[in-house]
């Protein structure tokens, strides 16, 4: 897909699994399991999908997946799988390498979004993208430094502290344009100051949904993750964003849907419904 001067590529970094009940909150299992069948441990398969934006002399990666630093215990709990999809292979297929990435925009610092920021080399934590500036919201960084008991397990300092120590982390304060045609929108439902990426050339607009709308199933307004810190804020943000998506014809990029990369939405009798397309 091309928007203005930018070529966009979906970068599949792997698959993982989370508890289906946690992914769909108060929605009963008989409803969500029709689309997302669970395994014997009640886990559903999720994509760990990033976005590569190439153009204007830059190669920008949005999020970078779960990474490879997890213990065997965590790998088993979350069913981490890079057999079919893997970060380096996917970048190579898109014609680039980790060393050529100029910028990494981190929507937030949860392990399944920022885990690929570092890896272990010779027993030492090393930035995966050594030549890239990494961007995160200031309010989110502050939150990650002192998370609550509810979300503490989502933050793994080994994913992001080496970036700060290396001097390649930049905090962004609020909504603004980071590069020509590329801006961030701040949402506070899932976590404090999650930044959604918006790319536009005035004709075509794509929104990187991250965990506001992690799968196509979450287009339905009542489908809100149990992981969200402020679910009613998520609900209001979804209503506002999806109305704008309908009115202005935006494309949505889905980070965790295992089957669908992107789509648009239209008004339905009850809320909104998906119109799939390939990115």
Protein backbone atom coordinates (compact mmCIF):
# COMPACT_ATOMS: atom_id res chain seq x y z
CA UNK A 1 0.00 0.00 0.00
CA UNK A 2 1.23 3.50 -0.80
CA UNK A 3 0.25 6.73 0.97
CA UNK A 4 1.90 9.86 -0.33
CA UNK A 5 5.67 9.25 -0.50
CA UNK A 6 5.48 6.21 1.78
CA UNK A 7 5.37 2.50 0.98
CA UNK A 8 3.65 0.52 3.73
CA UNK A 9 4.42 -3.11 4.54
CA UNK A 10 2.84 -5.36 7.16
CA UNK A 11 5.67 -6.95 9.17
CA UNK A 12 4.68 -10.23 10.80
CA UNK A 13 6.91 -10.87 13.82
CA UNK A 14 5.26 -14.04 15.11
CA UNK A 15 2.20 -15.45 16.79
CA UNK A 16 1.26 -15.70 20.45
CA UNK A 17 -1.78 -16.52 22.55
CA UNK A 18 -3.69 -14.80 25.33
CA UNK A 19 -6.67 -15.79 27.43
CA UNK A 20 -9.84 -15.32 25.40
CA UNK A 21 -11.85 -14.05 28.33
CA UNK A 22 -9.26 -11.35 29.01
CA UNK A 23 -9.22 -10.35 25.35
CA UNK A 24 -12.99 -9.84 25.17
CA UNK A 25 -13.81 -8.64 28.67
CA UNK A 26 -17.46 -8.95 29.62
CA UNK A 27 -18.51 -10.58 26.32
CA UNK A 28 -19.52 -14.23 26.96
CA UNK A 29 -17.35 -17.01 25.51
CA UNK A 30 -20.19 -18.53 23.41
CA UNK A 31 -20.12 -15.31 21.37
CA UNK A 32 -16.41 -14.72 20.83
CA UNK A 33 -15.32 -18.33 20.41
CA UNK A 34 -17.30 -18.59 17.17
CA UNK A 35 -14.66 -16.38 15.56
CA UNK A 36 -11.71 -17.03 17.89
CA UNK A 37 -11.69 -20.71 18.94
CA UNK A 38 -9.70 -21.27 22.11
CA UNK A 39 -7.31 -24.07 22.99
CA UNK A 40 -7.50 -26.34 26.04
CA UNK A 41 -6.05 -23.52 28.17
CA UNK A 42 -8.66 -21.00 26.96
CA UNK A 43 -6.07 -19.13 24.86
CA UNK A 44 -6.76 -17.62 21.45
CA UNK A 45 -4.17 -17.15 18.70
CA UNK A 46 -3.11 -13.56 18.03
CA UNK A 47 -0.85 -11.93 15.48
CA UNK A 48 2.13 -9.83 16.51
CA UNK A 49 2.07 -7.51 13.51
CA UNK A 50 4.14 -4.37 13.01
CA UNK A 51 4.11 -1.79 10.23
CA UNK A 52 7.05 -0.67 8.10
CA UNK A 53 6.79 2.81 6.56
CA UNK A 54 9.46 3.50 3.93
CA UNK A 55 9.90 6.84 2.18
CA UNK A 56 11.24 10.39 2.44
CA UNK A 57 14.65 8.93 3.24
CA UNK A 58 13.37 7.05 6.30
CA UNK A 59 12.47 3.51 7.26
CA UNK A 60 10.07 3.71 10.18
CA UNK A 61 8.89 0.67 12.12
CA UNK A 62 5.77 0.86 14.29
CA UNK A 63 6.15 -1.54 17.24
CA UNK A 64 8.33 -4.65 16.99
CA UNK A 65 6.55 -7.60 18.57
CA UNK A 66 7.22 -9.88 21.53
CA UNK A 67 10.95 -10.33 21.08
CA UNK A 68 13.05 -13.39 21.86
CA UNK A 69 14.16 -12.85 25.46
CA UNK A 70 11.39 -14.76 27.23
CA UNK A 71 12.03 -17.62 29.61
CA UNK A 72 10.76 -21.08 28.63
CA UNK A 73 8.01 -20.64 31.23
CA UNK A 74 6.69 -17.40 29.68
CA UNK A 75 7.11 -18.78 26.16
CA UNK A 76 4.87 -21.66 27.18
CA UNK A 77 2.29 -19.49 28.95
CA UNK A 78 1.93 -17.18 25.95
CA UNK A 79 2.49 -19.86 23.26
CA UNK A 80 5.16 -17.74 21.57
CA UNK A 81 5.76 -18.95 18.02
CA UNK A 82 8.17 -17.60 15.38
CA UNK A 83 8.12 -20.71 13.22
CA UNK A 84 6.05 -19.19 10.41
CA UNK A 85 6.64 -15.49 11.02
CA UNK A 86 9.69 -13.72 12.45
CA UNK A 87 10.85 -10.08 12.60
CA UNK A 88 14.14 -10.33 10.70
CA UNK A 89 12.70 -12.56 7.97
CA UNK A 90 9.71 -10.29 7.48
CA UNK A 91 11.91 -7.19 7.23
CA UNK A 92 14.11 -8.99 4.70
CA UNK A 93 11.04 -9.86 2.63
CA UNK A 94 10.19 -6.14 2.65
CA UNK A 95 13.69 -5.31 1.41
CA UNK A 96 15.30 -4.03 4.59
CA UNK A 97 17.26 -5.01 7.70
CA UNK A 98 17.22 -3.97 11.35
CA UNK A 99 20.31 -1.83 10.77
CA UNK A 100 18.51 0.20 8.10
CA UNK A 101 15.59 1.16 10.35
CA UNK A 102 15.87 4.89 11.08
CA UNK A 103 12.98 5.23 13.53
CA UNK A 104 10.90 2.98 15.79
CA UNK A 105 7.58 4.34 16.99
CA UNK A 106 6.43 2.45 20.07
CA UNK A 107 2.68 2.71 20.59
CA UNK A 108 3.27 1.72 24.22
CA UNK A 109 5.75 -0.34 26.21
CA UNK A 110 3.81 -3.55 26.88
CA UNK A 111 5.98 -6.59 26.21
CA UNK A 112 4.04 -7.73 23.13
CA UNK A 113 4.61 -4.34 21.45
CA UNK A 114 8.12 -3.38 22.56
CA UNK A 115 9.69 -6.78 23.31
CA UNK A 116 11.58 -6.82 20.02
CA UNK A 117 13.37 -3.56 20.87
CA UNK A 118 16.25 -5.47 22.47
CA UNK A 119 17.85 -8.91 22.34
CA UNK A 120 20.53 -10.76 24.26
CA UNK A 121 23.95 -10.94 22.63
CA UNK A 122 26.87 -12.55 24.45
CA UNK A 123 24.87 -12.34 27.66
CA UNK A 124 24.23 -8.60 27.28
CA UNK A 125 21.04 -6.71 26.41
CA UNK A 126 21.50 -5.01 23.04
CA UNK A 127 19.20 -2.69 21.04
CA UNK A 128 17.80 -4.51 18.00
CA UNK A 129 17.71 -1.30 15.94
CA UNK A 130 21.01 0.41 16.84
CA UNK A 131 20.69 3.20 14.28
CA UNK A 132 17.09 4.12 15.09
CA UNK A 133 15.51 6.75 17.30
CA UNK A 134 12.74 5.24 19.41
CA UNK A 135 9.64 7.30 20.22
CA UNK A 136 7.20 6.87 23.11
CA UNK A 137 4.77 9.21 24.84
CA UNK A 138 6.18 11.00 27.90
CA UNK A 139 3.11 10.27 30.02
CA UNK A 140 3.33 6.61 29.07
CA UNK A 141 7.03 6.46 29.91
CA UNK A 142 6.29 7.96 33.32
CA UNK A 143 3.54 5.37 33.83
CA UNK A 144 5.82 2.49 32.81
CA UNK A 145 8.29 3.61 35.47
CA UNK A 146 5.62 3.19 38.16
CA UNK A 147 2.87 0.88 36.91
CA UNK A 148 0.05 -0.40 39.12
CA UNK A 149 -0.32 -3.91 40.45
CA UNK A 150 -2.89 -4.52 37.68
CA UNK A 151 -0.54 -3.86 34.78
CA UNK A 152 2.95 -4.30 36.23
CA UNK A 153 3.43 -7.66 34.50
CA UNK A 154 2.88 -6.02 31.10
CA UNK A 155 6.06 -3.95 31.43
CA UNK A 156 9.45 -5.63 31.14
CA UNK A 157 12.25 -3.10 31.72
CA UNK A 158 14.71 -5.17 29.65
CA UNK A 159 12.63 -4.16 26.61
CA UNK A 160 13.11 -0.42 26.99
CA UNK A 161 15.63 0.62 29.64
CA UNK A 162 18.59 -0.20 27.35
CA UNK A 163 17.17 2.27 24.82
CA UNK A 164 17.29 5.07 27.36
CA UNK A 165 20.74 4.07 28.56
CA UNK A 166 21.97 4.07 24.94
CA UNK A 167 20.48 7.54 24.34
CA UNK A 168 18.24 6.41 21.49
CA UNK A 169 14.89 6.92 23.24
CA UNK A 170 12.90 10.11 22.66
CA UNK A 171 9.77 11.02 24.61
CA UNK A 172 6.90 12.72 22.78
CA UNK A 173 4.59 15.01 24.73
CA UNK A 174 1.06 14.76 23.34
CA UNK A 175 -0.43 14.58 19.88
CA UNK A 176 1.70 15.94 17.07
CA UNK A 177 3.18 15.25 13.65
CA UNK A 178 6.40 13.24 13.93
CA UNK A 179 7.22 13.24 10.22
CA UNK A 180 5.47 14.78 7.19
CA UNK A 181 2.06 13.10 6.95
CA UNK A 182 2.72 10.90 10.01
CA UNK A 183 1.22 11.92 13.34
CA UNK A 184 0.23 10.32 16.65
CA UNK A 185 -3.14 10.32 18.43
CA UNK A 186 -3.14 9.72 22.18
CA UNK A 187 -5.63 7.33 23.84
CA UNK A 188 -5.86 6.56 27.56
CA UNK A 189 -8.21 3.59 27.83
CA UNK A 190 -5.95 0.57 27.37
CA UNK A 191 -3.05 2.23 29.17
CA UNK A 192 -1.93 5.77 29.92
CA UNK A 193 -0.96 7.62 26.71
CA UNK A 194 -1.02 4.86 24.13
CA UNK A 195 -0.16 6.53 20.81
CA UNK A 196 -1.99 5.47 17.65
CA UNK A 197 -0.22 6.25 14.40
CA UNK A 198 -2.06 8.10 11.64
CA UNK A 199 -0.63 8.30 8.11
CA UNK A 200 -2.29 10.51 5.52
CA UNK A 201 -1.67 12.27 2.22
CA UNK A 202 -4.98 14.12 2.25
CA UNK A 203 -6.65 11.47 0.12
CA UNK A 204 -5.85 8.19 1.83
CA UNK A 205 -5.56 7.81 5.61
CA UNK A 206 -4.44 4.75 7.57
CA UNK A 207 -4.75 4.37 11.33
CA UNK A 208 -2.53 1.90 13.19
CA UNK A 209 -5.09 0.77 15.79
CA UNK A 210 -2.75 -1.06 18.20
CA UNK A 211 -4.75 -1.98 21.33
CA UNK A 212 -7.68 0.38 20.88
CA UNK A 213 -9.05 -2.10 18.30
CA UNK A 214 -6.64 -5.06 18.47
CA UNK A 215 -8.66 -7.40 16.24
CA UNK A 216 -11.51 -6.96 13.79
CA UNK A 217 -13.83 -8.48 16.40
CA UNK A 218 -13.13 -5.48 18.65
CA UNK A 219 -14.82 -3.17 16.14
CA UNK A 220 -18.03 -4.09 17.98
CA UNK A 221 -18.34 -1.49 20.72
CA UNK A 222 -18.96 -3.84 23.70
CA UNK A 223 -15.82 -5.87 22.89
CA UNK A 224 -13.26 -4.28 25.22
CA UNK A 225 -10.27 -6.08 26.68
CA UNK A 226 -10.13 -6.99 30.34
CA UNK A 227 -6.55 -5.72 30.23
CA UNK A 228 -7.70 -2.12 29.71
CA UNK A 229 -7.09 0.18 32.66
CA UNK A 230 -10.04 2.45 31.81
CA UNK A 231 -12.62 0.47 29.79
CA UNK A 232 -15.19 3.28 29.63
CA UNK A 233 -12.53 5.57 28.17
CA UNK A 234 -11.80 2.88 25.58
CA UNK A 235 -15.51 2.78 24.73
CA UNK A 236 -15.72 6.53 24.18
CA UNK A 237 -12.50 6.56 22.14
CA UNK A 238 -13.81 3.73 19.94
CA UNK A 239 -17.08 5.55 19.30
CA UNK A 240 -15.26 8.75 18.36
CA UNK A 241 -12.60 7.13 16.18
CA UNK A 242 -14.93 4.72 14.36
CA UNK A 243 -17.37 7.53 13.54
CA UNK A 244 -14.49 9.47 12.00
CA UNK A 245 -13.25 6.37 10.15
CA UNK A 246 -16.70 5.99 8.60
CA UNK A 247 -17.09 9.66 7.73
CA UNK A 248 -13.62 10.07 6.23
CA UNK A 249 -13.04 6.60 4.79
CA UNK A 250 -9.92 5.74 6.79
CA UNK A 251 -8.20 2.36 6.57
CA UNK A 252 -7.66 0.54 9.89
CA UNK A 253 -4.52 -1.56 10.41
CA UNK A 254 -5.07 -4.41 12.88
CA UNK A 255 -2.07 -5.40 14.96
CA UNK A 256 -3.34 -8.58 16.62
CA UNK A 257 -5.90 -10.05 14.22
CA UNK A 258 -4.46 -13.39 13.03
CA UNK A 259 -6.29 -13.30 9.68
CA UNK A 260 -7.00 -9.71 8.66
CA UNK A 261 -4.32 -7.04 8.24
CA UNK A 262 -6.49 -4.09 7.36
CA UNK A 263 -9.99 -2.92 6.55
CA UNK A 264 -12.45 -0.09 6.63
CA UNK A 265 -15.71 0.11 8.53
CA UNK A 266 -19.25 1.14 7.73
CA UNK A 267 -22.28 1.97 9.84
CA UNK A 268 -24.41 -1.02 10.73
CA UNK A 269 -27.73 -1.48 12.47
CA UNK A 270 -25.83 -1.94 15.72
CA UNK A 271 -22.68 0.17 15.63
CA UNK A 272 -20.07 -0.60 12.97
CA UNK A 273 -19.06 -3.49 10.74
CA UNK A 274 -15.85 -4.47 8.93
CA UNK A 275 -15.07 -4.11 5.23
CA UNK A 276 -11.82 -6.16 4.82
CA UNK A 277 -8.95 -5.30 2.48
CA UNK A 278 -5.27 -6.19 2.07
CA UNK A 279 -2.62 -3.66 3.06
